[in-house]
Amino acid sequence: MKDRIETLLATVFGGIFLGLAVVVAVETISRKLFNVSLQGADELGGYALAVGSTIAFSLALMGRNHIRVDVFHDKFPRGLQAALNWLSIVALAVLGAFIAWVAFKVIGDTRQYGSTAQTPWATPLIWPQSVWYAGLVIFAL
């Protein structure tokens, strides 16, 4: 089950950035050859980075790929290793919950003010921020 979830997340992550690469390539070519802009590649890039980063957080956590200092960790007794592993996962969970809480506050402000992106698309920010928030909640959980 864990492998399926990791594969799905990695596929979504890759799809987001492959799609963004295509948009940026089309934007660049259309500007150079036809002097026309799609007006929004940079906006999509920001959304891709926000969503992609939350997916990457979760993938790294599931694969136990977050940075830690194993040089010393392996030399400690098993009991101390277990205590440090427990402390690190609790600290990471607290950090994830804090970031999700701050994101919830940001979404509340966005909703209250009816904020939109300052781009030609004028995207209501509640939509990309909600996807970003969902990714942060998944990471915290």
N, C-alpha and C. Protein backbone atom coordinates (compact mmCIF):
# COMPACT_ATOMS: atom_id res chain seq x y z
N MET A 1 0.83 -1.20 0.00
CA MET A 1 0.00 0.00 0.00
C MET A 1 0.87 1.25 0.00
N LYS A 2 1.92 1.23 0.83
CA LYS A 2 2.82 2.38 0.92
C LYS A 2 3.49 2.65 -0.42
N ASP A 3 3.90 1.58 -1.10
CA ASP A 3 4.56 1.73 -2.40
C ASP A 3 3.61 2.33 -3.43
N ARG A 4 2.35 1.93 -3.38
CA ARG A 4 1.36 2.49 -4.32
C ARG A 4 1.17 3.98 -4.09
N ILE A 5 1.08 4.37 -2.83
CA ILE A 5 0.90 5.79 -2.51
C ILE A 5 2.11 6.59 -2.96
N GLU A 6 3.31 6.06 -2.67
CA GLU A 6 4.53 6.75 -3.10
C GLU A 6 4.59 6.87 -4.62
N THR A 7 4.23 5.81 -5.32
CA THR A 7 4.23 5.85 -6.79
C THR A 7 3.23 6.87 -7.31
N LEU A 8 2.04 6.90 -6.71
CA LEU A 8 1.02 7.87 -7.12
C LEU A 8 1.50 9.30 -6.88
N LEU A 9 2.03 9.56 -5.68
CA LEU A 9 2.52 10.91 -5.38
C LEU A 9 3.66 11.31 -6.30
N ALA A 10 4.58 10.40 -6.55
CA ALA A 10 5.70 10.70 -7.45
C ALA A 10 5.21 10.97 -8.86
N THR A 11 4.21 10.23 -9.31
CA THR A 11 3.64 10.44 -10.65
C THR A 11 2.96 11.80 -10.74
N VAL A 12 2.19 12.15 -9.72
CA VAL A 12 1.53 13.46 -9.71
C VAL A 12 2.58 14.57 -9.70
N PHE A 13 3.59 14.42 -8.85
CA PHE A 13 4.68 15.40 -8.76
C PHE A 13 5.34 15.57 -10.13
N GLY A 14 5.71 14.45 -10.75
CA GLY A 14 6.35 14.51 -12.07
C GLY A 14 5.44 15.11 -13.12
N GLY A 15 4.16 14.75 -13.08
CA GLY A 15 3.20 15.29 -14.04
C GLY A 15 3.05 16.80 -13.93
N ILE A 16 3.03 17.28 -12.69
CA ILE A 16 2.91 18.73 -12.47
C ILE A 16 4.08 19.45 -13.13
N PHE A 17 5.29 18.97 -12.89
CA PHE A 17 6.45 19.69 -13.40
C PHE A 17 6.72 19.43 -14.88
N LEU A 18 6.32 18.29 -15.40
CA LEU A 18 6.39 18.08 -16.85
C LEU A 18 5.39 19.01 -17.56
N GLY A 19 4.21 19.10 -17.00
CA GLY A 19 3.21 20.02 -17.56
C GLY A 19 3.69 21.46 -17.52
N LEU A 20 4.29 21.84 -16.41
CA LEU A 20 4.83 23.20 -16.30
C LEU A 20 5.95 23.43 -17.31
N ALA A 21 6.78 22.42 -17.51
CA ALA A 21 7.87 22.55 -18.50
C ALA A 21 7.31 22.77 -19.90
N VAL A 22 6.23 22.07 -20.24
CA VAL A 22 5.60 22.24 -21.55
C VAL A 22 5.04 23.66 -21.68
N VAL A 23 4.36 24.14 -20.64
CA VAL A 23 3.79 25.49 -20.67
C VAL A 23 4.89 26.53 -20.84
N VAL A 24 5.99 26.39 -20.09
CA VAL A 24 7.09 27.34 -20.20
C VAL A 24 7.73 27.28 -21.59
N ALA A 25 7.89 26.07 -22.13
CA ALA A 25 8.46 25.94 -23.48
C ALA A 25 7.57 26.59 -24.53
N VAL A 26 6.26 26.34 -24.44
CA VAL A 26 5.32 26.96 -25.39
C VAL A 26 5.34 28.47 -25.22
N GLU A 27 5.37 28.94 -23.99
CA GLU A 27 5.43 30.38 -23.71
C GLU A 27 6.68 30.99 -24.34
N THR A 28 7.81 30.35 -24.14
CA THR A 28 9.08 30.88 -24.66
C THR A 28 9.08 30.90 -26.19
N ILE A 29 8.64 29.80 -26.80
CA ILE A 29 8.62 29.72 -28.26
C ILE A 29 7.64 30.73 -28.85
N SER A 30 6.46 30.84 -28.24
CA SER A 30 5.46 31.77 -28.78
C SER A 30 5.92 33.22 -28.63
N ARG A 31 6.66 33.53 -27.59
CA ARG A 31 7.20 34.89 -27.45
C ARG A 31 8.26 35.17 -28.50
N LYS A 32 9.15 34.20 -28.70
CA LYS A 32 10.25 34.39 -29.64
C LYS A 32 9.77 34.44 -31.09
N LEU A 33 8.92 33.48 -31.47
CA LEU A 33 8.54 33.36 -32.87
C LEU A 33 7.36 34.25 -33.27
N PHE A 34 6.38 34.39 -32.35
CA PHE A 34 5.14 35.07 -32.72
C PHE A 34 4.89 36.35 -31.93
N ASN A 35 5.78 36.67 -31.01
CA ASN A 35 5.64 37.86 -30.15
C ASN A 35 4.30 37.86 -29.40
N VAL A 36 3.90 36.67 -28.95
CA VAL A 36 2.64 36.49 -28.22
C VAL A 36 2.94 35.77 -26.92
N SER A 37 2.27 36.19 -25.84
CA SER A 37 2.47 35.56 -24.54
C SER A 37 1.20 34.88 -24.07
N LEU A 38 1.36 33.78 -23.36
CA LEU A 38 0.21 33.08 -22.79
C LEU A 38 -0.33 33.79 -21.55
N GLN A 39 0.45 34.69 -20.99
CA GLN A 39 0.04 35.46 -19.80
C GLN A 39 -0.34 34.55 -18.64
N GLY A 40 0.62 33.93 -18.02
CA GLY A 40 0.29 33.14 -16.85
C GLY A 40 1.24 32.01 -16.55
N ALA A 41 2.28 31.85 -17.34
CA ALA A 41 3.22 30.77 -17.08
C ALA A 41 3.89 30.95 -15.71
N ASP A 42 4.19 32.18 -15.35
CA ASP A 42 4.81 32.43 -14.05
C ASP A 42 3.83 32.14 -12.91
N GLU A 43 2.57 32.45 -13.13
CA GLU A 43 1.54 32.15 -12.12
C GLU A 43 1.42 30.65 -11.92
N LEU A 44 1.36 29.92 -13.02
CA LEU A 44 1.29 28.45 -12.93
C LEU A 44 2.54 27.88 -12.27
N GLY A 45 3.69 28.49 -12.51
CA GLY A 45 4.93 28.06 -11.89
C GLY A 45 4.88 28.17 -10.38
N GLY A 46 4.31 29.26 -9.89
CA GLY A 46 4.15 29.44 -8.44
C GLY A 46 3.23 28.40 -7.83
N TYR A 47 2.13 28.13 -8.52
CA TYR A 47 1.20 27.12 -8.02
C TYR A 47 1.85 25.73 -8.04
N ALA A 48 2.59 25.44 -9.11
CA ALA A 48 3.26 24.14 -9.21
C ALA A 48 4.29 23.98 -8.10
N LEU A 49 5.02 25.03 -7.80
CA LEU A 49 6.01 24.97 -6.72
C LEU A 49 5.34 24.74 -5.37
N ALA A 50 4.25 25.43 -5.11
CA ALA A 50 3.55 25.27 -3.83
C ALA A 50 3.00 23.86 -3.66
N VAL A 51 2.33 23.36 -4.66
CA VAL A 51 1.74 22.01 -4.57
C VAL A 51 2.82 20.95 -4.64
N GLY A 52 3.78 21.13 -5.54
CA GLY A 52 4.87 20.16 -5.67
C GLY A 52 5.70 20.02 -4.41
N SER A 53 5.91 21.14 -3.72
CA SER A 53 6.71 21.07 -2.49
C SER A 53 6.00 20.27 -1.41
N THR A 54 4.68 20.42 -1.29
CA THR A 54 3.96 19.64 -0.27
C THR A 54 3.98 18.15 -0.61
N ILE A 55 3.90 17.84 -1.90
CA ILE A 55 4.00 16.43 -2.30
C ILE A 55 5.39 15.90 -1.98
N ALA A 56 6.41 16.71 -2.27
CA ALA A 56 7.80 16.30 -2.00
C ALA A 56 8.02 16.09 -0.50
N PHE A 57 7.43 16.94 0.34
CA PHE A 57 7.56 16.76 1.80
C PHE A 57 7.05 15.38 2.20
N SER A 58 5.86 15.05 1.71
CA SER A 58 5.24 13.77 2.08
C SER A 58 6.02 12.59 1.52
N LEU A 59 6.49 12.71 0.28
CA LEU A 59 7.28 11.63 -0.31
C LEU A 59 8.57 11.40 0.47
N ALA A 60 9.25 12.47 0.83
CA ALA A 60 10.49 12.33 1.59
C ALA A 60 10.23 11.71 2.96
N LEU A 61 9.13 12.08 3.57
CA LEU A 61 8.79 11.51 4.88
C LEU A 61 8.48 10.02 4.77
N MET A 62 7.70 9.64 3.76
CA MET A 62 7.34 8.23 3.60
C MET A 62 8.57 7.38 3.28
N GLY A 63 9.49 7.95 2.52
CA GLY A 63 10.70 7.21 2.15
C GLY A 63 11.83 7.36 3.16
N ARG A 64 11.55 8.04 4.26
CA ARG A 64 12.55 8.30 5.31
C ARG A 64 13.79 8.96 4.71
N ASN A 65 13.57 9.97 3.88
CA ASN A 65 14.65 10.65 3.18
C ASN A 65 14.93 12.05 3.71
N HIS A 66 14.29 12.43 4.80
CA HIS A 66 14.61 13.73 5.37
C HIS A 66 16.02 13.69 5.94
N ILE A 67 16.66 14.82 5.94
CA ILE A 67 18.05 14.90 6.36
C ILE A 67 18.18 14.58 7.85
N ARG A 68 19.11 13.71 8.17
CA ARG A 68 19.48 13.45 9.56
C ARG A 68 20.95 13.06 9.58
N VAL A 69 21.53 13.15 10.73
CA VAL A 69 22.96 12.88 10.85
C VAL A 69 23.15 11.44 11.29
N ASP A 70 23.33 10.55 10.32
CA ASP A 70 23.49 9.13 10.62
C ASP A 70 24.90 8.76 11.05
N VAL A 71 25.82 9.69 10.90
CA VAL A 71 27.21 9.41 11.31
C VAL A 71 27.24 9.06 12.79
N PHE A 72 26.53 9.84 13.59
CA PHE A 72 26.51 9.58 15.04
C PHE A 72 25.39 8.63 15.43
N HIS A 73 24.28 8.73 14.73
CA HIS A 73 23.09 7.95 15.07
C HIS A 73 23.41 6.45 15.13
N ASP A 74 24.15 5.94 14.17
CA ASP A 74 24.46 4.51 14.11
C ASP A 74 25.39 4.06 15.23
N LYS A 75 26.11 4.98 15.84
CA LYS A 75 27.05 4.64 16.91
C LYS A 75 26.40 4.63 18.29
N PHE A 76 25.17 5.16 18.39
CA PHE A 76 24.47 5.19 19.67
C PHE A 76 23.85 3.84 19.99
N PRO A 77 23.61 3.57 21.28
CA PRO A 77 22.89 2.34 21.65
C PRO A 77 21.47 2.34 21.07
N ARG A 78 20.91 1.15 20.88
CA ARG A 78 19.58 1.02 20.27
C ARG A 78 18.52 1.84 20.99
N GLY A 79 18.56 1.86 22.30
CA GLY A 79 17.56 2.62 23.06
C GLY A 79 17.63 4.11 22.76
N LEU A 80 18.82 4.65 22.69
CA LEU A 80 19.00 6.07 22.38
C LEU A 80 18.60 6.35 20.92
N GLN A 81 18.92 5.42 20.02
CA GLN A 81 18.50 5.58 18.62
C GLN A 81 16.97 5.66 18.53
N ALA A 82 16.30 4.77 19.25
CA ALA A 82 14.83 4.76 19.23
C ALA A 82 14.28 6.06 19.79
N ALA A 83 14.87 6.55 20.89
CA ALA A 83 14.41 7.80 21.50
C ALA A 83 14.63 8.98 20.54
N LEU A 84 15.77 9.01 19.88
CA LEU A 84 16.04 10.09 18.93
C LEU A 84 15.12 10.00 17.72
N ASN A 85 14.85 8.79 17.25
CA ASN A 85 13.91 8.62 16.13
C ASN A 85 12.52 9.11 16.52
N TRP A 86 12.09 8.75 17.73
CA TRP A 86 10.79 9.19 18.21
C TRP A 86 10.75 10.72 18.33
N LEU A 87 11.80 11.30 18.91
CA LEU A 87 11.87 12.75 19.06
C LEU A 87 11.82 13.45 17.70
N SER A 88 12.53 12.91 16.72
CA SER A 88 12.56 13.55 15.41
C SER A 88 11.20 13.48 14.72
N ILE A 89 10.50 12.36 14.83
CA ILE A 89 9.20 12.25 14.17
C ILE A 89 8.17 13.14 14.87
N VAL A 90 8.25 13.25 16.18
CA VAL A 90 7.34 14.15 16.90
C VAL A 90 7.63 15.60 16.52
N ALA A 91 8.91 15.96 16.46
CA ALA A 91 9.28 17.33 16.09
C ALA A 91 8.81 17.65 14.67
N LEU A 92 8.96 16.69 13.76
CA LEU A 92 8.52 16.91 12.39
C LEU A 92 7.01 17.02 12.31
N ALA A 93 6.30 16.23 13.10
CA ALA A 93 4.83 16.30 13.13
C ALA A 93 4.37 17.64 13.69
N VAL A 94 5.03 18.12 14.72
CA VAL A 94 4.69 19.43 15.30
C VAL A 94 4.95 20.53 14.26
N LEU A 95 6.08 20.45 13.57
CA LEU A 95 6.37 21.43 12.53
C LEU A 95 5.32 21.38 11.43
N GLY A 96 4.97 20.17 10.98
CA GLY A 96 3.95 20.03 9.94
C GLY A 96 2.61 20.59 10.39
N ALA A 97 2.22 20.32 11.62
CA ALA A 97 0.95 20.84 12.15
C ALA A 97 0.99 22.36 12.26
N PHE A 98 2.12 22.91 12.67
CA PHE A 98 2.26 24.37 12.77
C PHE A 98 2.13 25.02 11.39
N ILE A 99 2.82 24.46 10.41
CA ILE A 99 2.76 25.02 9.05
C ILE A 99 1.33 24.92 8.51
N ALA A 100 0.65 23.80 8.75
CA ALA A 100 -0.74 23.65 8.31
C ALA A 100 -1.64 24.65 9.01
N TRP A 101 -1.39 24.91 10.28
CA TRP A 101 -2.19 25.89 11.04
C TRP A 101 -2.00 27.29 10.45
N VAL A 102 -0.75 27.67 10.15
CA VAL A 102 -0.49 28.97 9.54
C VAL A 102 -1.16 29.07 8.17
N ALA A 103 -1.09 27.99 7.40
CA ALA A 103 -1.73 27.97 6.08
C ALA A 103 -3.25 28.14 6.22
N PHE A 104 -3.83 27.54 7.26
CA PHE A 104 -5.26 27.69 7.51
C PHE A 104 -5.60 29.15 7.76
N LYS A 105 -4.76 29.84 8.52
CA LYS A 105 -4.95 31.28 8.78
C LYS A 105 -4.87 32.08 7.47
N VAL A 106 -3.90 31.71 6.61
CA VAL A 106 -3.74 32.40 5.33
C VAL A 106 -5.00 32.21 4.48
N ILE A 107 -5.52 31.00 4.45
CA ILE A 107 -6.73 30.74 3.67
C ILE A 107 -7.92 31.52 4.24
N GLY A 108 -7.99 31.62 5.56
CA GLY A 108 -9.05 32.42 6.18
C GLY A 108 -8.99 33.87 5.73
N ASP A 109 -7.80 34.45 5.71
CA ASP A 109 -7.63 35.83 5.25
C ASP A 109 -7.99 35.95 3.77
N THR A 110 -7.55 35.00 2.98
CA THR A 110 -7.85 35.01 1.55
C THR A 110 -9.35 34.98 1.31
N ARG A 111 -10.01 34.13 2.05
CA ARG A 111 -11.47 34.01 1.90
C ARG A 111 -12.18 35.27 2.36
N GLN A 112 -11.72 35.83 3.47
CA GLN A 112 -12.34 37.04 4.02
C GLN A 112 -12.21 38.22 3.06
N TYR A 113 -11.05 38.36 2.45
CA TYR A 113 -10.80 39.50 1.57
C TYR A 113 -11.17 39.21 0.11
N GLY A 114 -11.45 37.97 -0.22
CA GLY A 114 -11.74 37.62 -1.60
C GLY A 114 -10.55 37.87 -2.52
N SER A 115 -9.37 37.53 -2.03
CA SER A 115 -8.12 37.83 -2.75
C SER A 115 -8.03 37.08 -4.07
N THR A 116 -7.48 37.78 -5.06
CA THR A 116 -7.21 37.19 -6.36
C THR A 116 -5.75 37.44 -6.72
N ALA A 117 -5.23 36.64 -7.63
CA ALA A 117 -3.85 36.80 -8.08
C ALA A 117 -3.74 38.12 -8.85
N GLN A 118 -2.60 38.79 -8.70
CA GLN A 118 -2.38 40.05 -9.41
C GLN A 118 -1.76 39.77 -10.77
N THR A 119 -2.49 39.01 -11.56
CA THR A 119 -2.05 38.62 -12.89
C THR A 119 -3.23 38.84 -13.84
N PRO A 120 -3.00 38.74 -15.14
CA PRO A 120 -4.12 38.90 -16.07
C PRO A 120 -5.26 37.89 -15.84
N TRP A 121 -4.93 36.72 -15.29
CA TRP A 121 -5.97 35.72 -15.05
C TRP A 121 -6.83 36.07 -13.84
N ALA A 122 -6.27 36.81 -12.89
CA ALA A 122 -6.97 37.17 -11.65
C ALA A 122 -7.60 35.95 -10.98
N THR A 123 -6.82 34.90 -10.85
CA THR A 123 -7.29 33.65 -10.25
C THR A 123 -7.69 33.88 -8.79
N PRO A 124 -8.89 33.43 -8.38
CA PRO A 124 -9.23 33.49 -6.96
C PRO A 124 -8.23 32.62 -6.18
N LEU A 125 -7.50 33.22 -5.26
CA LEU A 125 -6.42 32.52 -4.59
C LEU A 125 -6.88 31.41 -3.66
N ILE A 126 -8.16 31.38 -3.35
CA ILE A 126 -8.68 30.33 -2.47
C ILE A 126 -8.47 28.95 -3.09
N TRP A 127 -8.50 28.84 -4.43
CA TRP A 127 -8.37 27.54 -5.09
C TRP A 127 -6.95 26.99 -5.00
N PRO A 128 -5.93 27.69 -5.45
CA PRO A 128 -4.59 27.11 -5.32
C PRO A 128 -4.15 26.99 -3.86
N GLN A 129 -4.58 27.91 -3.02
CA GLN A 129 -4.20 27.82 -1.61
C GLN A 129 -4.87 26.64 -0.93
N SER A 130 -6.06 26.28 -1.35
CA SER A 130 -6.74 25.11 -0.77
C SER A 130 -6.01 23.82 -1.12
N VAL A 131 -5.52 23.71 -2.35
CA VAL A 131 -4.75 22.53 -2.75
C VAL A 131 -3.44 22.49 -1.96
N TRP A 132 -2.80 23.64 -1.82
CA TRP A 132 -1.57 23.76 -1.03
C TRP A 132 -1.83 23.34 0.42
N TYR A 133 -2.92 23.82 0.99
CA TYR A 133 -3.28 23.49 2.37
C TYR A 133 -3.55 21.98 2.52
N ALA A 134 -4.26 21.40 1.57
CA ALA A 134 -4.53 19.96 1.63
C ALA A 134 -3.23 19.17 1.64
N GLY A 135 -2.27 19.57 0.83
CA GLY A 135 -0.96 18.91 0.83
C GLY A 135 -0.24 19.04 2.15
N LEU A 136 -0.35 20.22 2.76
CA LEU A 136 0.30 20.41 4.07
C LEU A 136 -0.37 19.58 5.16
N VAL A 137 -1.68 19.45 5.10
CA VAL A 137 -2.40 18.62 6.08
C VAL A 137 -1.99 17.16 5.93
N ILE A 138 -1.88 16.70 4.69
CA ILE A 138 -1.44 15.31 4.45
C ILE A 138 -0.04 15.11 5.01
N PHE A 139 0.83 16.07 4.79
CA PHE A 139 2.19 15.97 5.34
C PHE A 139 2.15 15.93 6.87
N ALA A 140 1.35 16.79 7.48
CA ALA A 140 1.28 16.82 8.94
C ALA A 140 0.74 15.50 9.50
N LEU A 141 -0.23 14.92 8.81
CA LEU A 141 -0.79 13.64 9.27
C LEU A 141 0.21 12.52 9.11
